[in-house]
Amino acid sequence: MSLTAEQREQVASELKRFAGDLNLTDEQKEKLHTALAEARERVGEYLRNNPNTTKADIIAKVRAHRDEIRQRVVNFLTPEQLSKWDSEVAKAKEFLGQTLDA
């Protein structure tokens, strides 16, 4: 389930653009960075413990934890920022070619 170098660059560019659109405070930036780092570590740990996992398995795990993931950002984003977040999450799902339920 790895991305090509071009896809990684595209994702990085989109994240930078999106971060600017959210107009995060320094405190929010730190909280978001921490949340993303923890999520990345959990995915890495899962992959290390389950080396034969499939993309479908990972998508199922994300689905199972979707409410928990969203609640983390609800705790520090303003309602306007949260609306933008939800819109961008929907775009990201489409970009990644995933047909995840809303």
N, C-alpha and C. Protein backbone atom coordinates (compact mmCIF):
# COMPACT_ATOMS: atom_id res chain seq x y z
N MET A 1 0.82 -1.19 0.00
CA MET A 1 0.00 0.00 0.00
C MET A 1 0.87 1.25 0.00
N SER A 2 1.94 1.24 -0.71
CA SER A 2 2.82 2.40 -0.73
C SER A 2 2.47 3.30 -1.90
N LEU A 3 2.75 4.58 -1.71
CA LEU A 3 2.51 5.57 -2.75
C LEU A 3 3.79 5.77 -3.56
N THR A 4 3.62 6.18 -4.81
CA THR A 4 4.77 6.50 -5.62
C THR A 4 5.35 7.83 -5.13
N ALA A 5 6.55 8.14 -5.56
CA ALA A 5 7.17 9.41 -5.17
C ALA A 5 6.31 10.58 -5.63
N GLU A 6 5.76 10.49 -6.81
CA GLU A 6 4.89 11.54 -7.34
C GLU A 6 3.63 11.69 -6.48
N GLN A 7 3.03 10.58 -6.08
CA GLN A 7 1.84 10.63 -5.24
C GLN A 7 2.17 11.23 -3.87
N ARG A 8 3.31 10.84 -3.30
CA ARG A 8 3.72 11.39 -1.99
C ARG A 8 3.90 12.90 -2.09
N GLU A 9 4.51 13.36 -3.17
CA GLU A 9 4.71 14.80 -3.37
C GLU A 9 3.37 15.51 -3.51
N GLN A 10 2.46 14.90 -4.22
CA GLN A 10 1.13 15.49 -4.40
C GLN A 10 0.39 15.56 -3.06
N VAL A 11 0.49 14.52 -2.26
CA VAL A 11 -0.14 14.51 -0.94
C VAL A 11 0.48 15.59 -0.06
N ALA A 12 1.81 15.70 -0.07
CA ALA A 12 2.50 16.71 0.74
C ALA A 12 2.07 18.12 0.33
N SER A 13 1.96 18.36 -0.97
CA SER A 13 1.53 19.67 -1.46
C SER A 13 0.11 19.98 -1.01
N GLU A 14 -0.76 19.00 -1.10
CA GLU A 14 -2.14 19.19 -0.69
C GLU A 14 -2.23 19.45 0.82
N LEU A 15 -1.44 18.75 1.61
CA LEU A 15 -1.45 18.97 3.06
C LEU A 15 -0.99 20.38 3.40
N LYS A 16 0.04 20.86 2.72
CA LYS A 16 0.51 22.22 2.96
C LYS A 16 -0.55 23.24 2.60
N ARG A 17 -1.19 23.04 1.45
CA ARG A 17 -2.25 23.95 1.03
C ARG A 17 -3.40 23.93 2.04
N PHE A 18 -3.79 22.74 2.43
CA PHE A 18 -4.90 22.59 3.36
C PHE A 18 -4.59 23.21 4.72
N ALA A 19 -3.38 23.01 5.20
CA ALA A 19 -2.98 23.60 6.48
C ALA A 19 -3.11 25.12 6.42
N GLY A 20 -2.73 25.71 5.29
CA GLY A 20 -2.87 27.15 5.13
C GLY A 20 -4.33 27.57 5.11
N ASP A 21 -5.17 26.79 4.45
CA ASP A 21 -6.61 27.09 4.38
C ASP A 21 -7.26 27.05 5.76
N LEU A 22 -6.79 26.17 6.61
CA LEU A 22 -7.39 26.05 7.95
C LEU A 22 -7.02 27.23 8.85
N ASN A 23 -5.93 27.90 8.54
CA ASN A 23 -5.48 29.04 9.35
C ASN A 23 -5.36 28.63 10.82
N LEU A 24 -4.57 27.60 11.07
CA LEU A 24 -4.40 27.07 12.42
C LEU A 24 -3.56 27.98 13.29
N THR A 25 -3.89 28.01 14.56
CA THR A 25 -3.04 28.70 15.53
C THR A 25 -1.82 27.81 15.78
N ASP A 26 -0.80 28.35 16.42
CA ASP A 26 0.38 27.55 16.73
C ASP A 26 0.00 26.35 17.61
N GLU A 27 -0.89 26.58 18.56
CA GLU A 27 -1.33 25.48 19.44
C GLU A 27 -2.06 24.40 18.65
N GLN A 28 -2.91 24.81 17.72
CA GLN A 28 -3.63 23.84 16.89
C GLN A 28 -2.66 23.07 15.99
N LYS A 29 -1.67 23.78 15.45
CA LYS A 29 -0.67 23.11 14.61
C LYS A 29 0.04 22.01 15.40
N GLU A 30 0.41 22.32 16.62
CA GLU A 30 1.09 21.33 17.46
C GLU A 30 0.18 20.14 17.75
N LYS A 31 -1.08 20.41 18.08
CA LYS A 31 -2.02 19.32 18.38
C LYS A 31 -2.25 18.45 17.14
N LEU A 32 -2.39 19.09 15.98
CA LEU A 32 -2.59 18.32 14.75
C LEU A 32 -1.35 17.51 14.42
N HIS A 33 -0.19 18.11 14.54
CA HIS A 33 1.06 17.40 14.29
C HIS A 33 1.17 16.18 15.20
N THR A 34 0.87 16.36 16.47
CA THR A 34 0.93 15.25 17.44
C THR A 34 -0.06 14.15 17.06
N ALA A 35 -1.28 14.54 16.72
CA ALA A 35 -2.30 13.56 16.35
C ALA A 35 -1.88 12.77 15.10
N LEU A 36 -1.35 13.47 14.10
CA LEU A 36 -0.92 12.78 12.88
C LEU A 36 0.28 11.88 13.13
N ALA A 37 1.21 12.34 13.96
CA ALA A 37 2.39 11.52 14.28
C ALA A 37 1.98 10.26 15.02
N GLU A 38 1.05 10.39 15.96
CA GLU A 38 0.58 9.22 16.70
C GLU A 38 -0.15 8.25 15.77
N ALA A 39 -0.96 8.78 14.86
CA ALA A 39 -1.67 7.93 13.92
C ALA A 39 -0.70 7.21 13.00
N ARG A 40 0.32 7.93 12.53
CA ARG A 40 1.33 7.32 11.66
C ARG A 40 2.06 6.20 12.40
N GLU A 41 2.37 6.43 13.67
CA GLU A 41 3.05 5.41 14.47
C GLU A 41 2.16 4.18 14.67
N ARG A 42 0.87 4.41 14.91
CA ARG A 42 -0.04 3.28 15.09
C ARG A 42 -0.15 2.45 13.81
N VAL A 43 -0.21 3.13 12.66
CA VAL A 43 -0.27 2.40 11.39
C VAL A 43 1.03 1.63 11.18
N GLY A 44 2.17 2.28 11.47
CA GLY A 44 3.45 1.60 11.33
C GLY A 44 3.56 0.39 12.23
N GLU A 45 3.09 0.53 13.45
CA GLU A 45 3.11 -0.60 14.39
C GLU A 45 2.21 -1.73 13.90
N TYR A 46 1.04 -1.37 13.40
CA TYR A 46 0.13 -2.38 12.87
C TYR A 46 0.77 -3.13 11.70
N LEU A 47 1.42 -2.38 10.82
CA LEU A 47 2.07 -3.01 9.66
C LEU A 47 3.23 -3.90 10.08
N ARG A 48 3.98 -3.47 11.10
CA ARG A 48 5.08 -4.32 11.60
C ARG A 48 4.54 -5.61 12.21
N ASN A 49 3.44 -5.50 12.92
CA ASN A 49 2.84 -6.68 13.57
C ASN A 49 2.05 -7.54 12.60
N ASN A 50 1.68 -6.98 11.47
CA ASN A 50 0.87 -7.69 10.47
C ASN A 50 1.47 -7.45 9.09
N PRO A 51 2.65 -8.02 8.83
CA PRO A 51 3.36 -7.71 7.58
C PRO A 51 2.62 -8.11 6.30
N ASN A 52 1.68 -9.01 6.39
CA ASN A 52 0.97 -9.46 5.20
C ASN A 52 -0.39 -8.78 5.05
N THR A 53 -0.58 -7.69 5.74
CA THR A 53 -1.86 -6.99 5.69
C THR A 53 -2.12 -6.42 4.30
N THR A 54 -3.36 -6.28 3.97
CA THR A 54 -3.74 -5.75 2.66
C THR A 54 -4.27 -4.33 2.80
N LYS A 55 -4.39 -3.66 1.68
CA LYS A 55 -4.97 -2.32 1.66
C LYS A 55 -6.38 -2.37 2.23
N ALA A 56 -7.13 -3.41 1.88
CA ALA A 56 -8.50 -3.57 2.38
C ALA A 56 -8.52 -3.69 3.90
N ASP A 57 -7.53 -4.41 4.47
CA ASP A 57 -7.45 -4.53 5.92
C ASP A 57 -7.23 -3.17 6.58
N ILE A 58 -6.36 -2.38 5.99
CA ILE A 58 -6.06 -1.06 6.56
C ILE A 58 -7.29 -0.16 6.45
N ILE A 59 -7.98 -0.20 5.32
CA ILE A 59 -9.19 0.59 5.14
C ILE A 59 -10.24 0.19 6.18
N ALA A 60 -10.36 -1.10 6.42
CA ALA A 60 -11.32 -1.58 7.43
C ALA A 60 -10.96 -1.07 8.82
N LYS A 61 -9.67 -1.03 9.13
CA LYS A 61 -9.22 -0.51 10.43
C LYS A 61 -9.56 0.97 10.56
N VAL A 62 -9.32 1.73 9.49
CA VAL A 62 -9.62 3.15 9.52
C VAL A 62 -11.13 3.35 9.71
N ARG A 63 -11.93 2.59 8.98
CA ARG A 63 -13.39 2.68 9.13
C ARG A 63 -13.80 2.42 10.58
N ALA A 64 -13.20 1.41 11.18
CA ALA A 64 -13.55 1.04 12.55
C ALA A 64 -13.23 2.14 13.55
N HIS A 65 -12.26 2.98 13.22
CA HIS A 65 -11.82 4.03 14.14
C HIS A 65 -12.18 5.43 13.65
N ARG A 66 -13.03 5.52 12.64
CA ARG A 66 -13.35 6.82 12.03
C ARG A 66 -13.87 7.83 13.05
N ASP A 67 -14.80 7.44 13.91
CA ASP A 67 -15.36 8.38 14.89
C ASP A 67 -14.29 8.86 15.86
N GLU A 68 -13.43 7.95 16.29
CA GLU A 68 -12.35 8.31 17.20
C GLU A 68 -11.39 9.30 16.54
N ILE A 69 -11.07 9.06 15.29
CA ILE A 69 -10.17 9.94 14.55
C ILE A 69 -10.77 11.34 14.44
N ARG A 70 -12.03 11.42 14.07
CA ARG A 70 -12.68 12.72 13.92
C ARG A 70 -12.78 13.44 15.27
N GLN A 71 -13.06 12.70 16.33
CA GLN A 71 -13.20 13.32 17.65
C GLN A 71 -11.90 14.01 18.08
N ARG A 72 -10.78 13.45 17.67
CA ARG A 72 -9.50 14.08 18.02
C ARG A 72 -9.40 15.50 17.48
N VAL A 73 -9.84 15.72 16.23
CA VAL A 73 -9.75 17.06 15.67
C VAL A 73 -10.90 17.94 16.14
N VAL A 74 -12.05 17.35 16.44
CA VAL A 74 -13.17 18.11 16.98
C VAL A 74 -12.74 18.81 18.26
N ASN A 75 -11.85 18.19 19.00
CA ASN A 75 -11.42 18.72 20.29
C ASN A 75 -10.62 20.01 20.18
N PHE A 76 -10.07 20.33 19.00
CA PHE A 76 -9.26 21.55 18.93
C PHE A 76 -9.51 22.43 17.70
N LEU A 77 -10.35 22.01 16.77
CA LEU A 77 -10.68 22.85 15.63
C LEU A 77 -11.95 23.65 15.92
N THR A 78 -12.02 24.84 15.33
CA THR A 78 -13.23 25.65 15.44
C THR A 78 -14.29 25.03 14.51
N PRO A 79 -15.57 25.40 14.67
CA PRO A 79 -16.60 24.86 13.76
C PRO A 79 -16.29 25.14 12.28
N GLU A 80 -15.79 26.33 11.96
CA GLU A 80 -15.45 26.65 10.57
C GLU A 80 -14.30 25.76 10.08
N GLN A 81 -13.29 25.60 10.91
CA GLN A 81 -12.16 24.74 10.55
C GLN A 81 -12.62 23.29 10.39
N LEU A 82 -13.52 22.86 11.24
CA LEU A 82 -14.01 21.49 11.18
C LEU A 82 -14.79 21.25 9.89
N SER A 83 -15.55 22.23 9.46
CA SER A 83 -16.28 22.12 8.20
C SER A 83 -15.29 21.96 7.04
N LYS A 84 -14.24 22.76 7.03
CA LYS A 84 -13.19 22.63 6.00
C LYS A 84 -12.51 21.27 6.09
N TRP A 85 -12.24 20.82 7.32
CA TRP A 85 -11.60 19.52 7.55
C TRP A 85 -12.45 18.41 6.90
N ASP A 86 -13.76 18.42 7.21
CA ASP A 86 -14.65 17.38 6.69
C ASP A 86 -14.68 17.40 5.16
N SER A 87 -14.69 18.59 4.58
CA SER A 87 -14.68 18.71 3.13
C SER A 87 -13.40 18.14 2.54
N GLU A 88 -12.28 18.45 3.16
CA GLU A 88 -10.99 17.96 2.66
C GLU A 88 -10.83 16.46 2.84
N VAL A 89 -11.38 15.91 3.92
CA VAL A 89 -11.33 14.46 4.13
C VAL A 89 -12.09 13.76 3.01
N ALA A 90 -13.24 14.32 2.63
CA ALA A 90 -14.01 13.74 1.53
C ALA A 90 -13.21 13.78 0.23
N LYS A 91 -12.52 14.90 -0.03
CA LYS A 91 -11.69 15.01 -1.23
C LYS A 91 -10.53 14.01 -1.19
N ALA A 92 -9.94 13.83 -0.02
CA ALA A 92 -8.81 12.91 0.11
C ALA A 92 -9.24 11.48 -0.18
N LYS A 93 -10.42 11.12 0.28
CA LYS A 93 -10.93 9.77 0.00
C LYS A 93 -11.05 9.56 -1.50
N GLU A 94 -11.57 10.57 -2.18
CA GLU A 94 -11.73 10.48 -3.63
C GLU A 94 -10.36 10.40 -4.31
N PHE A 95 -9.42 11.25 -3.87
CA PHE A 95 -8.07 11.27 -4.45
C PHE A 95 -7.40 9.92 -4.31
N LEU A 96 -7.56 9.31 -3.16
CA LEU A 96 -6.90 8.03 -2.91
C LEU A 96 -7.63 6.85 -3.56
N GLY A 97 -8.77 7.16 -4.17
CA GLY A 97 -9.49 6.10 -4.88
C GLY A 97 -10.20 5.14 -3.96
N GLN A 98 -10.47 5.59 -2.75
CA GLN A 98 -11.13 4.73 -1.79
C GLN A 98 -12.63 5.05 -1.81
N THR A 99 -13.43 4.01 -1.77
CA THR A 99 -14.87 4.22 -1.71
C THR A 99 -15.30 3.94 -0.28
N LEU A 100 -14.91 4.83 0.60
CA LEU A 100 -15.26 4.69 2.01
C LEU A 100 -16.62 5.31 2.24
N ASP A 101 -17.38 4.73 3.10
CA ASP A 101 -18.68 5.31 3.46
C ASP A 101 -18.48 6.58 4.25
N ALA A 102 -19.34 7.54 4.04
CA ALA A 102 -19.24 8.82 4.77
C ALA A 102 -19.60 8.66 6.23
